[in-house]
Amino acid sequence: MPEYELLSDYPLLAHNTFGFDVRAKHAVRLTEEAQIAALAQDERLKGQARLVLGGGSNVVLTKDFDGVALLMDLRDRRIIDEDDEAVYIEAGAGENWHEFVAWTLSQSFPGLENLALIPGTVGAAPIQNIGAYGLEMGERFERLRAIELLTGETREFDREACAFGYRDSFFKREGRGRFVIVSVTFRLPKKWTPRADYADIARVLESGAADNSQAIFDAVVAVRQAKLPDWRVLGNAGSFFKNPVISAAAFDALKAQEPEVVSYKQPDGQFKLAAGWLIDRCGWKGRSIGGAAVHDRQALVLVNRGGASGAQILELADAIKRDVHARFGVDLEAEPVCL
């Protein structure tokens, strides 16, 4: 059996970007796939709940975890194949996402630049189907490899099996808690088409720079740094709520009531609403419940101003949901996984 150290009463403060001071009954740092497969045979862990943690940037921990935290540290990034249309790059689940995106550009393989500075690890990206500024990870996804925790068996998932949706996937629903993602393969097109038409990005880009992937990367970084707090300074999990999507009929009714509502028409005729605008209009920007607060520059971000608990963050989120529903008749859904 591959060796790993079973750590007891392990602090998770450094493993969640909200900075909640909670602990796990046990923890294991995983650097090899064989270690993950061996977990299924470890008698010490029989019957214990598992919690997979990468960067901890998409989780709300409300209390100590009575189980074993699996700390993902599988590192690798390499070109594994190419054809006339694309280059295929595989990355270990423990790779830092932003650093991986920067590396692909340094290798002259554009395609992920719009997803720069999103916190977390490569292994977490498919779970959430991360996206920003007109691009979702699922568009560049080829396949992933995962290990089933119960059996230790390795399984490969293609795009269809992952069932990607808006900030959603199989691993966030039916597969939640069943699998550990160990590596992800991306398909980066050789005929790259820039996506730089978002107003925030276009404002930052210099004239003629929209065709330069590194310039788009730099613009995305600048915009995110200006709008979003650094979790190392002010604990947060990035955008806390999904942008809600409503039918055309519901949008027409809302538009009549709120003419200034910020929206984006979808290819299927529905409308995506800007959750931050809804929250701001309800007067929540900058408000707090204890140490849990709404960021004063971006209403979509909930922050830990110091000493907040996961329960207080959820209390704040629930209060925001109630107000948004009461005013707009729209239901907000949290992006992070709440435990």
C-alpha atoms as a PDB file:
ATOM      1  CA  MET A   1       0.000   0.000   0.000  1.00  0.00           C
ATOM      2  CA  PRO A   2       1.421   3.454  -0.909  1.00  0.00           C
ATOM      3  CA  GLU A   3       2.472   5.374   2.153  1.00  0.00           C
ATOM      4  CA  TYR A   4       0.848   8.541   3.427  1.00  0.00           C
ATOM      5  CA  GLU A   5       0.732  10.180   6.831  1.00  0.00           C
ATOM      6  CA  LEU A   6      -2.598  10.254   8.623  1.00  0.00           C
ATOM      7  CA  LEU A   7      -2.748  13.597  10.428  1.00  0.00           C
ATOM      8  CA  SER A   8      -5.089  14.061  13.400  1.00  0.00           C
ATOM      9  CA  ASP A   9      -7.013  17.127  14.596  1.00  0.00           C
ATOM     10  CA  TYR A  10      -5.828  18.961  11.518  1.00  0.00           C
ATOM     11  CA  PRO A  11      -6.408  22.750  11.169  1.00  0.00           C
ATOM     12  CA  LEU A  12      -8.151  23.776   7.928  1.00  0.00           C
ATOM     13  CA  LEU A  13      -7.548  27.510   8.323  1.00  0.00           C
ATOM     14  CA  ALA A  14      -5.017  27.494   5.480  1.00  0.00           C
ATOM     15  CA  HIS A  15      -7.221  25.277   3.310  1.00  0.00           C
ATOM     16  CA  ASN A  16     -10.258  27.523   2.829  1.00  0.00           C
ATOM     17  CA  THR A  17     -10.153  31.008   1.348  1.00  0.00           C
ATOM     18  CA  PHE A  18     -12.840  32.338   3.698  1.00  0.00           C
ATOM     19  CA  GLY A  19     -10.339  31.789   6.521  1.00  0.00           C
ATOM     20  CA  PHE A  20     -12.652  29.832   8.810  1.00  0.00           C
ATOM     21  CA  ASP A  21     -10.808  28.419  11.818  1.00  0.00           C
ATOM     22  CA  VAL A  22     -12.174  24.880  11.736  1.00  0.00           C
ATOM     23  CA  ARG A  23     -10.473  21.491  12.050  1.00  0.00           C
ATOM     24  CA  ALA A  24     -10.722  18.032  10.535  1.00  0.00           C
ATOM     25  CA  LYS A  25     -10.674  14.871  12.624  1.00  0.00           C
ATOM     26  CA  HIS A  26      -8.075  13.512  10.196  1.00  0.00           C
ATOM     27  CA  ALA A  27      -6.278  14.735   7.094  1.00  0.00           C
ATOM     28  CA  VAL A  28      -4.115  13.179   4.381  1.00  0.00           C
ATOM     29  CA  ARG A  29      -1.891  15.091   1.955  1.00  0.00           C
ATOM     30  CA  LEU A  30      -2.076  13.364  -1.422  1.00  0.00           C
ATOM     31  CA  THR A  31       0.756  13.702  -3.927  1.00  0.00           C
ATOM     32  CA  GLU A  32       0.291  10.487  -5.956  1.00  0.00           C
ATOM     33  CA  GLU A  33      -2.716   8.835  -7.584  1.00  0.00           C
ATOM     34  CA  ALA A  34      -1.814   5.505  -5.987  1.00  0.00           C
ATOM     35  CA  GLN A  35      -2.344   7.046  -2.549  1.00  0.00           C
ATOM     36  CA  ILE A  36      -5.933   7.940  -3.427  1.00  0.00           C
ATOM     37  CA  ALA A  37      -6.695   4.430  -4.670  1.00  0.00           C
ATOM     38  CA  ALA A  38      -5.215   3.040  -1.450  1.00  0.00           C
ATOM     39  CA  LEU A  39      -7.604   5.072   0.715  1.00  0.00           C
ATOM     40  CA  ALA A  40     -10.390   2.621  -0.138  1.00  0.00           C
ATOM     41  CA  GLN A  41      -8.403  -0.198   1.494  1.00  0.00           C
ATOM     42  CA  ASP A  42      -7.279   1.691   4.600  1.00  0.00           C
ATOM     43  CA  GLU A  43      -9.058   0.127   7.590  1.00  0.00           C
ATOM     44  CA  ARG A  44      -8.357   3.229   9.692  1.00  0.00           C
ATOM     45  CA  LEU A  45     -10.662   5.257   7.441  1.00  0.00           C
ATOM     46  CA  LYS A  46     -13.543   2.803   7.080  1.00  0.00           C
ATOM     47  CA  GLY A  47     -16.893   4.529   7.524  1.00  0.00           C
ATOM     48  CA  GLN A  48     -15.378   7.993   7.791  1.00  0.00           C
ATOM     49  CA  ALA A  49     -16.707  10.849   5.673  1.00  0.00           C
ATOM     50  CA  ARG A  50     -14.346  12.344   3.103  1.00  0.00           C
ATOM     51  CA  LEU A  51     -13.831  16.008   2.253  1.00  0.00           C
ATOM     52  CA  VAL A  52     -11.729  16.799  -0.816  1.00  0.00           C
ATOM     53  CA  LEU A  53      -9.927  20.144  -0.590  1.00  0.00           C
ATOM     54  CA  GLY A  54      -7.833  21.779  -3.280  1.00  0.00           C
ATOM     55  CA  GLY A  55      -7.470  25.508  -2.799  1.00  0.00           C
ATOM     56  CA  GLY A  56     -10.637  25.654  -0.675  1.00  0.00           C
ATOM     57  CA  SER A  57     -11.889  28.597  -2.749  1.00  0.00           C
ATOM     58  CA  ASN A  58     -15.388  27.248  -3.334  1.00  0.00           C
ATOM     59  CA  VAL A  59     -16.435  25.915   0.037  1.00  0.00           C
ATOM     60  CA  VAL A  60     -18.127  27.245   3.176  1.00  0.00           C
ATOM     61  CA  LEU A  61     -17.097  25.257   6.247  1.00  0.00           C
ATOM     62  CA  THR A  62     -19.626  25.833   9.006  1.00  0.00           C
ATOM     63  CA  LYS A  63     -18.056  23.621  11.695  1.00  0.00           C
ATOM     64  CA  ASP A  64     -15.308  21.102  12.426  1.00  0.00           C
ATOM     65  CA  PHE A  65     -15.278  18.174   9.996  1.00  0.00           C
ATOM     66  CA  ASP A  66     -15.779  14.771  11.615  1.00  0.00           C
ATOM     67  CA  GLY A  67     -13.964  12.774   8.959  1.00  0.00           C
ATOM     68  CA  VAL A  68     -10.846  12.794   6.824  1.00  0.00           C
ATOM     69  CA  ALA A  69      -9.882  15.817   4.719  1.00  0.00           C
ATOM     70  CA  LEU A  70      -8.133  14.852   1.496  1.00  0.00           C
ATOM     71  CA  LEU A  71      -5.628  17.589   0.700  1.00  0.00           C
ATOM     72  CA  MET A  72      -4.982  17.456  -3.040  1.00  0.00           C
ATOM     73  CA  ASP A  73      -1.394  18.126  -4.054  1.00  0.00           C
ATOM     74  CA  LEU A  74      -1.036  16.236  -7.351  1.00  0.00           C
ATOM     75  CA  ARG A  75       1.259  18.349  -9.539  1.00  0.00           C
ATOM     76  CA  ASP A  76       2.022  17.919 -13.218  1.00  0.00           C
ATOM     77  CA  ARG A  77       1.466  19.776 -16.477  1.00  0.00           C
ATOM     78  CA  ARG A  78       2.453  18.493 -19.873  1.00  0.00           C
ATOM     79  CA  ILE A  79       1.570  18.437 -23.541  1.00  0.00           C
ATOM     80  CA  ILE A  80       0.261  14.956 -24.256  1.00  0.00           C
ATOM     81  CA  ASP A  81      -0.938  15.189 -27.863  1.00  0.00           C
ATOM     82  CA  GLU A  82      -1.743  17.451 -30.792  1.00  0.00           C
ATOM     83  CA  ASP A  83      -3.520  17.277 -34.118  1.00  0.00           C
ATOM     84  CA  ASP A  84      -4.217  19.676 -36.957  1.00  0.00           C
ATOM     85  CA  GLU A  85      -6.781  21.582 -34.906  1.00  0.00           C
ATOM     86  CA  ALA A  86      -5.627  21.592 -31.292  1.00  0.00           C
ATOM     87  CA  VAL A  87      -3.021  20.937 -28.629  1.00  0.00           C
ATOM     88  CA  TYR A  88      -3.949  18.702 -25.688  1.00  0.00           C
ATOM     89  CA  ILE A  89      -2.529  19.589 -22.289  1.00  0.00           C
ATOM     90  CA  GLU A  90      -2.918  17.532 -19.112  1.00  0.00           C
ATOM     91  CA  ALA A  91      -2.595  19.044 -15.641  1.00  0.00           C
ATOM     92  CA  GLY A  92      -2.612  17.479 -12.191  1.00  0.00           C
ATOM     93  CA  ALA A  93      -5.581  18.269  -9.969  1.00  0.00           C
ATOM     94  CA  GLY A  94      -3.405  20.014  -7.383  1.00  0.00           C
ATOM     95  CA  GLU A  95      -1.956  22.556  -9.814  1.00  0.00           C
ATOM     96  CA  ASN A  96      -2.834  26.173  -9.034  1.00  0.00           C
ATOM     97  CA  TRP A  97      -5.341  27.234 -11.688  1.00  0.00           C
ATOM     98  CA  HIS A  98      -4.031  30.750 -12.338  1.00  0.00           C
ATOM     99  CA  GLU A  99      -0.432  29.548 -12.542  1.00  0.00           C
ATOM    100  CA  PHE A 100      -1.505  26.830 -14.989  1.00  0.00           C
ATOM    101  CA  VAL A 101      -3.262  29.373 -17.227  1.00  0.00           C
ATOM    102  CA  ALA A 102      -0.155  31.589 -17.184  1.00  0.00           C
ATOM    103  CA  TRP A 103       1.999  28.568 -18.080  1.00  0.00           C
ATOM    104  CA  THR A 104      -0.132  27.668 -21.125  1.00  0.00           C
ATOM    105  CA  LEU A 105       0.400  31.184 -22.470  1.00  0.00           C
ATOM    106  CA  SER A 106       4.132  31.000 -21.780  1.00  0.00           C
ATOM    107  CA  GLN A 107       4.150  27.879 -23.970  1.00  0.00           C
ATOM    108  CA  SER A 108       2.357  29.844 -26.740  1.00  0.00           C
ATOM    109  CA  PHE A 109      -0.954  27.995 -26.312  1.00  0.00           C
ATOM    110  CA  PRO A 110      -3.773  30.562 -25.922  1.00  0.00           C
ATOM    111  CA  GLY A 111      -7.363  29.719 -25.082  1.00  0.00           C
ATOM    112  CA  LEU A 112      -7.690  29.974 -21.292  1.00  0.00           C
ATOM    113  CA  GLU A 113      -6.660  33.631 -20.822  1.00  0.00           C
ATOM    114  CA  ASN A 114     -10.202  34.813 -19.971  1.00  0.00           C
ATOM    115  CA  LEU A 115     -10.122  32.541 -16.917  1.00  0.00           C
ATOM    116  CA  ALA A 116      -7.029  34.153 -15.379  1.00  0.00           C
ATOM    117  CA  LEU A 117      -6.864  34.849 -11.630  1.00  0.00           C
ATOM    118  CA  ILE A 118      -9.764  32.567 -10.736  1.00  0.00           C
ATOM    119  CA  PRO A 119      -8.730  31.109  -7.370  1.00  0.00           C
ATOM    120  CA  GLY A 120      -8.471  27.390  -6.759  1.00  0.00           C
ATOM    121  CA  THR A 121      -6.913  24.355  -8.377  1.00  0.00           C
ATOM    122  CA  VAL A 122      -7.172  22.603 -11.729  1.00  0.00           C
ATOM    123  CA  GLY A 123      -9.099  19.718 -10.150  1.00  0.00           C
ATOM    124  CA  ALA A 124     -11.796  22.045  -8.860  1.00  0.00           C
ATOM    125  CA  ALA A 125     -12.338  23.756 -12.229  1.00  0.00           C
ATOM    126  CA  PRO A 126     -14.560  21.035 -13.782  1.00  0.00           C
ATOM    127  CA  ILE A 127     -16.647  20.643 -10.635  1.00  0.00           C
ATOM    128  CA  GLN A 128     -17.758  24.252 -10.852  1.00  0.00           C
ATOM    129  CA  ASN A 129     -17.332  24.600 -14.624  1.00  0.00           C
ATOM    130  CA  ILE A 130     -15.629  27.894 -13.869  1.00  0.00           C
ATOM    131  CA  GLY A 131     -16.213  30.771 -16.238  1.00  0.00           C
ATOM    132  CA  ALA A 132     -15.570  34.461 -16.732  1.00  0.00           C
ATOM    133  CA  TYR A 133     -15.674  37.153 -19.405  1.00  0.00           C
ATOM    134  CA  GLY A 134     -17.416  35.118 -22.084  1.00  0.00           C
ATOM    135  CA  LEU A 135     -15.671  31.772 -21.605  1.00  0.00           C
ATOM    136  CA  GLU A 136     -16.512  28.636 -19.622  1.00  0.00           C
ATOM    137  CA  MET A 137     -13.937  25.989 -18.850  1.00  0.00           C
ATOM    138  CA  GLY A 138     -16.180  23.353 -20.426  1.00  0.00           C
ATOM    139  CA  GLU A 139     -15.494  24.840 -23.855  1.00  0.00           C
ATOM    140  CA  ARG A 140     -11.796  23.986 -23.541  1.00  0.00           C
ATOM    141  CA  PHE A 141     -12.308  20.669 -21.743  1.00  0.00           C
ATOM    142  CA  GLU A 142     -11.360  17.342 -23.336  1.00  0.00           C
ATOM    143  CA  ARG A 143     -11.505  14.764 -20.534  1.00  0.00           C
ATOM    144  CA  LEU A 144     -10.579  14.099 -16.915  1.00  0.00           C
ATOM    145  CA  ARG A 145      -9.456  11.168 -14.834  1.00  0.00           C
ATOM    146  CA  ALA A 146     -11.027  10.505 -11.445  1.00  0.00           C
ATOM    147  CA  ILE A 147     -10.817   7.836  -8.750  1.00  0.00           C
ATOM    148  CA  GLU A 148     -13.919   6.461  -7.051  1.00  0.00           C
ATOM    149  CA  LEU A 149     -13.401   6.732  -3.312  1.00  0.00           C
ATOM    150  CA  LEU A 150     -15.423   3.648  -2.384  1.00  0.00           C
ATOM    151  CA  THR A 151     -13.629   1.237  -4.703  1.00  0.00           C
ATOM    152  CA  GLY A 152     -10.335   2.927  -5.562  1.00  0.00           C
ATOM    153  CA  GLU A 153     -11.051   2.363  -9.265  1.00  0.00           C
ATOM    154  CA  THR A 154      -9.951   4.896 -11.891  1.00  0.00           C
ATOM    155  CA  ARG A 155     -12.494   6.208 -14.372  1.00  0.00           C
ATOM    156  CA  GLU A 156     -12.261   8.598 -17.322  1.00  0.00           C
ATOM    157  CA  PHE A 157     -14.945  11.222 -17.995  1.00  0.00           C
ATOM    158  CA  ASP A 158     -15.494  13.001 -21.311  1.00  0.00           C
ATOM    159  CA  ARG A 159     -17.429  16.247 -21.722  1.00  0.00           C
ATOM    160  CA  GLU A 160     -20.781  14.483 -22.004  1.00  0.00           C
ATOM    161  CA  ALA A 161     -20.220  12.419 -18.866  1.00  0.00           C
ATOM    162  CA  CYS A 162     -19.310  15.559 -16.912  1.00  0.00           C
ATOM    163  CA  ALA A 163     -22.725  17.066 -17.795  1.00  0.00           C
ATOM    164  CA  PHE A 164     -21.482  20.641 -17.579  1.00  0.00           C
ATOM    165  CA  GLY A 165     -23.993  23.401 -16.911  1.00  0.00           C
ATOM    166  CA  TYR A 166     -23.797  26.980 -15.729  1.00  0.00           C
ATOM    167  CA  ARG A 167     -21.395  26.732 -12.746  1.00  0.00           C
ATOM    168  CA  ASP A 168     -22.462  23.115 -12.497  1.00  0.00           C
ATOM    169  CA  SER A 169     -21.430  19.565 -13.356  1.00  0.00           C
ATOM    170  CA  PHE A 170     -22.000  15.891 -12.558  1.00  0.00           C
ATOM    171  CA  PHE A 171     -19.429  16.209  -9.777  1.00  0.00           C
ATOM    172  CA  LYS A 172     -21.457  18.887  -8.028  1.00  0.00           C
ATOM    173  CA  ARG A 173     -24.631  16.788  -8.159  1.00  0.00           C
ATOM    174  CA  GLU A 174     -24.823  12.983  -8.521  1.00  0.00           C
ATOM    175  CA  GLY A 175     -21.062  12.523  -8.270  1.00  0.00           C
ATOM    176  CA  ARG A 176     -20.571  14.717  -5.237  1.00  0.00           C
ATOM    177  CA  GLY A 177     -18.494  12.945  -2.618  1.00  0.00           C
ATOM    178  CA  ARG A 178     -18.037   9.858  -4.814  1.00  0.00           C
ATOM    179  CA  PHE A 179     -14.999  10.776  -6.883  1.00  0.00           C
ATOM    180  CA  VAL A 180     -11.653  12.510  -6.561  1.00  0.00           C
ATOM    181  CA  ILE A 181     -10.500  14.231  -9.747  1.00  0.00           C
ATOM    182  CA  VAL A 182      -6.792  13.527 -10.277  1.00  0.00           C
ATOM    183  CA  SER A 183      -6.046  15.154 -13.641  1.00  0.00           C
ATOM    184  CA  VAL A 184      -7.734  17.221 -16.356  1.00  0.00           C
ATOM    185  CA  THR A 185      -6.945  17.397 -20.070  1.00  0.00           C
ATOM    186  CA  PHE A 186      -7.687  20.572 -22.016  1.00  0.00           C
ATOM    187  CA  ARG A 187      -8.090  21.044 -25.761  1.00  0.00           C
ATOM    188  CA  LEU A 188      -6.582  24.376 -26.808  1.00  0.00           C
ATOM    189  CA  PRO A 189      -7.374  25.337 -30.423  1.00  0.00           C
ATOM    190  CA  LYS A 190      -4.580  26.172 -32.845  1.00  0.00           C
ATOM    191  CA  LYS A 191      -6.875  28.616 -34.638  1.00  0.00           C
ATOM    192  CA  TRP A 192      -7.397  30.860 -31.646  1.00  0.00           C
ATOM    193  CA  THR A 193     -10.206  33.419 -31.655  1.00  0.00           C
ATOM    194  CA  PRO A 194      -9.936  36.159 -29.003  1.00  0.00           C
ATOM    195  CA  ARG A 195     -12.836  37.013 -26.729  1.00  0.00           C
ATOM    196  CA  ALA A 196     -12.383  40.591 -25.619  1.00  0.00           C
ATOM    197  CA  ASP A 197     -15.786  42.163 -26.134  1.00  0.00           C
ATOM    198  CA  TYR A 198     -16.775  42.397 -22.462  1.00  0.00           C
ATOM    199  CA  ALA A 199     -16.951  46.093 -21.625  1.00  0.00           C
ATOM    200  CA  ASP A 200     -14.653  45.832 -18.584  1.00  0.00           C
ATOM    201  CA  ILE A 201     -11.973  44.045 -20.594  1.00  0.00           C
ATOM    202  CA  ALA A 202     -12.295  46.298 -23.637  1.00  0.00           C
ATOM    203  CA  ARG A 203     -11.822  49.379 -21.438  1.00  0.00           C
ATOM    204  CA  VAL A 204      -8.508  48.097 -20.104  1.00  0.00           C
ATOM    205  CA  LEU A 205      -7.078  46.839 -23.384  1.00  0.00           C
ATOM    206  CA  GLU A 206      -4.980  49.254 -25.368  1.00  0.00           C
ATOM    207  CA  SER A 207      -5.885  49.912 -28.994  1.00  0.00           C
ATOM    208  CA  GLY A 208      -5.134  46.900 -31.176  1.00  0.00           C
ATOM    209  CA  ALA A 209      -4.349  44.610 -28.217  1.00  0.00           C
ATOM    210  CA  ALA A 210      -7.567  42.587 -28.464  1.00  0.00           C
ATOM    211  CA  ASP A 211      -5.803  40.074 -30.736  1.00  0.00           C
ATOM    212  CA  ASN A 212      -3.066  39.394 -28.179  1.00  0.00           C
ATOM    213  CA  SER A 213      -3.768  36.578 -25.708  1.00  0.00           C
ATOM    214  CA  GLN A 214      -1.234  37.852 -23.158  1.00  0.00           C
ATOM    215  CA  ALA A 215      -2.799  41.334 -23.301  1.00  0.00           C
ATOM    216  CA  ILE A 216      -6.234  39.814 -22.638  1.00  0.00           C
ATOM    217  CA  PHE A 217      -4.772  37.803 -19.758  1.00  0.00           C
ATOM    218  CA  ASP A 218      -3.251  40.975 -18.275  1.00  0.00           C
ATOM    219  CA  ALA A 219      -6.522  42.881 -18.734  1.00  0.00           C
ATOM    220  CA  VAL A 220      -8.517  40.143 -16.986  1.00  0.00           C
ATOM    221  CA  VAL A 221      -6.059  40.173 -14.084  1.00  0.00           C
ATOM    222  CA  ALA A 222      -6.283  43.966 -13.806  1.00  0.00           C
ATOM    223  CA  VAL A 223     -10.086  43.975 -13.852  1.00  0.00           C
ATOM    224  CA  ARG A 224     -10.395  41.166 -11.299  1.00  0.00           C
ATOM    225  CA  GLN A 225      -7.869  42.817  -8.980  1.00  0.00           C
ATOM    226  CA  ALA A 226      -9.775  46.098  -9.170  1.00  0.00           C
ATOM    227  CA  LYS A 227     -13.190  44.555  -8.490  1.00  0.00           C
ATOM    228  CA  LEU A 228     -12.525  41.569  -6.228  1.00  0.00           C
ATOM    229  CA  PRO A 229     -10.756  41.418  -2.860  1.00  0.00           C
ATOM    230  CA  ASP A 230      -7.648  39.300  -2.405  1.00  0.00           C
ATOM    231  CA  TRP A 231      -8.720  36.354  -0.237  1.00  0.00           C
ATOM    232  CA  ARG A 232      -5.317  36.426   1.504  1.00  0.00           C
ATOM    233  CA  VAL A 233      -6.195  39.883   2.825  1.00  0.00           C
ATOM    234  CA  LEU A 234      -9.986  39.629   3.143  1.00  0.00           C
ATOM    235  CA  GLY A 235     -11.413  36.111   3.310  1.00  0.00           C
ATOM    236  CA  ASN A 236     -13.881  35.301   0.512  1.00  0.00           C
ATOM    237  CA  ALA A 237     -14.872  32.696  -2.065  1.00  0.00           C
ATOM    238  CA  GLY A 238     -15.174  35.015  -5.052  1.00  0.00           C
ATOM    239  CA  SER A 239     -18.651  35.433  -6.501  1.00  0.00           C
ATOM    240  CA  PHE A 240     -20.958  33.905  -3.916  1.00  0.00           C
ATOM    241  CA  PHE A 241     -24.137  33.735  -6.019  1.00  0.00           C
ATOM    242  CA  LYS A 242     -24.826  32.509  -9.528  1.00  0.00           C
ATOM    243  CA  ASN A 243     -26.316  34.990 -11.968  1.00  0.00           C
ATOM    244  CA  PRO A 244     -29.948  33.794 -12.152  1.00  0.00           C
ATOM    245  CA  VAL A 245     -31.461  32.836 -15.501  1.00  0.00           C
ATOM    246  CA  ILE A 246     -35.166  33.507 -16.077  1.00  0.00           C
ATOM    247  CA  SER A 247     -37.638  33.017 -18.905  1.00  0.00           C
ATOM    248  CA  ALA A 248     -38.386  35.702 -21.494  1.00  0.00           C
ATOM    249  CA  ALA A 249     -41.886  36.171 -20.058  1.00  0.00           C
ATOM    250  CA  ALA A 250     -40.536  36.608 -16.519  1.00  0.00           C
ATOM    251  CA  PHE A 251     -37.924  39.023 -17.823  1.00  0.00           C
ATOM    252  CA  ASP A 252     -40.533  41.153 -19.622  1.00  0.00           C
ATOM    253  CA  ALA A 253     -42.517  41.435 -16.382  1.00  0.00           C
ATOM    254  CA  LEU A 254     -39.377  42.302 -14.403  1.00  0.00           C
ATOM    255  CA  LYS A 255     -38.250  44.839 -17.011  1.00  0.00           C
ATOM    256  CA  ALA A 256     -41.588  46.615 -16.767  1.00  0.00           C
ATOM    257  CA  GLN A 257     -41.095  46.853 -13.001  1.00  0.00           C
ATOM    258  CA  GLU A 258     -37.337  47.585 -13.064  1.00  0.00           C
ATOM    259  CA  PRO A 259     -36.399  49.271 -16.376  1.00  0.00           C
ATOM    260  CA  GLU A 260     -32.693  49.496 -15.450  1.00  0.00           C
ATOM    261  CA  VAL A 261     -32.251  45.795 -14.667  1.00  0.00           C
ATOM    262  CA  VAL A 262     -28.900  44.500 -15.967  1.00  0.00           C
ATOM    263  CA  SER A 263     -29.390  41.444 -18.156  1.00  0.00           C
ATOM    264  CA  TYR A 264     -27.822  39.310 -20.877  1.00  0.00           C
ATOM    265  CA  LYS A 265     -29.990  37.544 -23.440  1.00  0.00           C
ATOM    266  CA  GLN A 266     -29.105  33.851 -23.802  1.00  0.00           C
ATOM    267  CA  PRO A 267     -29.007  31.800 -27.021  1.00  0.00           C
ATOM    268  CA  ASP A 268     -32.135  29.898 -25.918  1.00  0.00           C
ATOM    269  CA  GLY A 269     -34.134  33.111 -25.471  1.00  0.00           C
ATOM    270  CA  GLN A 270     -33.891  33.235 -21.692  1.00  0.00           C
ATOM    271  CA  PHE A 271     -32.242  36.100 -19.819  1.00  0.00           C
ATOM    272  CA  LYS A 272     -29.339  35.990 -17.376  1.00  0.00           C
ATOM    273  CA  LEU A 273     -29.572  38.659 -14.673  1.00  0.00           C
ATOM    274  CA  ALA A 274     -26.633  40.301 -12.910  1.00  0.00           C
ATOM    275  CA  ALA A 275     -26.948  39.028  -9.350  1.00  0.00           C
ATOM    276  CA  GLY A 276     -24.642  41.771  -8.072  1.00  0.00           C
ATOM    277  CA  TRP A 277     -27.014  44.426  -9.444  1.00  0.00           C
ATOM    278  CA  LEU A 278     -30.006  42.791  -7.749  1.00  0.00           C
ATOM    279  CA  ILE A 279     -28.178  42.620  -4.421  1.00  0.00           C
ATOM    280  CA  ASP A 280     -26.941  46.193  -4.719  1.00  0.00           C
ATOM    281  CA  ARG A 281     -30.459  47.467  -5.444  1.00  0.00           C
ATOM    282  CA  CYS A 282     -31.643  45.803  -2.257  1.00  0.00           C
ATOM    283  CA  GLY A 283     -29.140  47.927  -0.324  1.00  0.00           C
ATOM    284  CA  TRP A 284     -26.799  45.152   0.791  1.00  0.00           C
ATOM    285  CA  LYS A 285     -23.469  46.428  -0.540  1.00  0.00           C
ATOM    286  CA  GLY A 286     -21.157  47.056   2.437  1.00  0.00           C
ATOM    287  CA  ARG A 287     -23.612  45.728   5.052  1.00  0.00           C
ATOM    288  CA  SER A 288     -22.652  43.051   7.528  1.00  0.00           C
ATOM    289  CA  ILE A 289     -23.837  40.519  10.090  1.00  0.00           C
ATOM    290  CA  GLY A 290     -21.079  40.257  12.651  1.00  0.00           C
ATOM    291  CA  GLY A 291     -17.818  39.657  10.801  1.00  0.00           C
ATOM    292  CA  ALA A 292     -19.663  38.469   7.686  1.00  0.00           C
ATOM    293  CA  ALA A 293     -20.186  41.255   5.159  1.00  0.00           C
ATOM    294  CA  VAL A 294     -21.023  42.145   1.579  1.00  0.00           C
ATOM    295  CA  HIS A 295     -17.990  43.630  -0.112  1.00  0.00           C
ATOM    296  CA  ASP A 296     -18.234  47.404  -0.466  1.00  0.00           C
ATOM    297  CA  ARG A 297     -17.077  47.380  -4.125  1.00  0.00           C
ATOM    298  CA  GLN A 298     -18.734  44.215  -5.420  1.00  0.00           C
ATOM    299  CA  ALA A 299     -22.095  43.130  -4.018  1.00  0.00           C
ATOM    300  CA  LEU A 300     -21.689  39.630  -5.437  1.00  0.00           C
ATOM    301  CA  VAL A 301     -18.838  38.889  -3.022  1.00  0.00           C
ATOM    302  CA  LEU A 302     -19.375  37.969   0.632  1.00  0.00           C
ATOM    303  CA  VAL A 303     -16.340  38.464   2.867  1.00  0.00           C
ATOM    304  CA  ASN A 304     -14.991  37.549   6.278  1.00  0.00           C
ATOM    305  CA  ARG A 305     -13.940  40.821   7.873  1.00  0.00           C
ATOM    306  CA  GLY A 306     -12.422  38.901  10.755  1.00  0.00           C
ATOM    307  CA  GLY A 307     -13.729  36.257  13.113  1.00  0.00           C
ATOM    308  CA  ALA A 308     -16.783  35.366  11.044  1.00  0.00           C
ATOM    309  CA  SER A 309     -18.026  31.793  11.091  1.00  0.00           C
ATOM    310  CA  GLY A 310     -19.381  29.802   8.186  1.00  0.00           C
ATOM    311  CA  ALA A 311     -22.776  29.908   9.836  1.00  0.00           C
ATOM    312  CA  GLN A 312     -22.697  33.732   9.836  1.00  0.00           C
ATOM    313  CA  ILE A 313     -21.818  33.777   6.129  1.00  0.00           C
ATOM    314  CA  LEU A 314     -24.820  31.543   5.426  1.00  0.00           C
ATOM    315  CA  GLU A 315     -27.046  33.710   7.648  1.00  0.00           C
ATOM    316  CA  LEU A 316     -26.009  36.747   5.611  1.00  0.00           C
ATOM    317  CA  ALA A 317     -26.568  34.888   2.339  1.00  0.00           C
ATOM    318  CA  ASP A 318     -30.056  33.819   3.423  1.00  0.00           C
ATOM    319  CA  ALA A 319     -31.002  37.384   4.338  1.00  0.00           C
ATOM    320  CA  ILE A 320     -29.849  38.578   0.909  1.00  0.00           C
ATOM    321  CA  LYS A 321     -31.834  35.822  -0.835  1.00  0.00           C
ATOM    322  CA  ARG A 322     -35.000  36.796   1.024  1.00  0.00           C
ATOM    323  CA  ASP A 323     -34.688  40.471   0.096  1.00  0.00           C
ATOM    324  CA  VAL A 324     -33.930  39.776  -3.560  1.00  0.00           C
ATOM    325  CA  HIS A 325     -36.878  37.412  -3.839  1.00  0.00           C
ATOM    326  CA  ALA A 326     -39.210  39.869  -2.080  1.00  0.00           C
ATOM    327  CA  ARG A 327     -38.298  42.744  -4.406  1.00  0.00           C
ATOM    328  CA  PHE A 328     -37.675  41.012  -7.736  1.00  0.00           C
ATOM    329  CA  GLY A 329     -39.364  37.604  -7.433  1.00  0.00           C
ATOM    330  CA  VAL A 330     -35.998  36.031  -8.345  1.00  0.00           C
ATOM    331  CA  ASP A 331     -34.308  33.182  -6.469  1.00  0.00           C
ATOM    332  CA  LEU A 332     -30.547  33.377  -5.923  1.00  0.00           C
ATOM    333  CA  GLU A 333     -28.424  30.226  -5.719  1.00  0.00           C
ATOM    334  CA  ALA A 334     -25.072  30.023  -3.968  1.00  0.00           C
ATOM    335  CA  GLU A 335     -22.007  29.034  -5.992  1.00  0.00           C
ATOM    336  CA  PRO A 336     -19.871  27.584  -3.163  1.00  0.00           C
ATOM    337  CA  VAL A 337     -20.517  24.172  -1.649  1.00  0.00           C
ATOM    338  CA  CYS A 338     -21.799  24.670   1.892  1.00  0.00           C
ATOM    339  CA  LEU A 339     -20.846  22.015   4.453  1.00  0.00           C
END
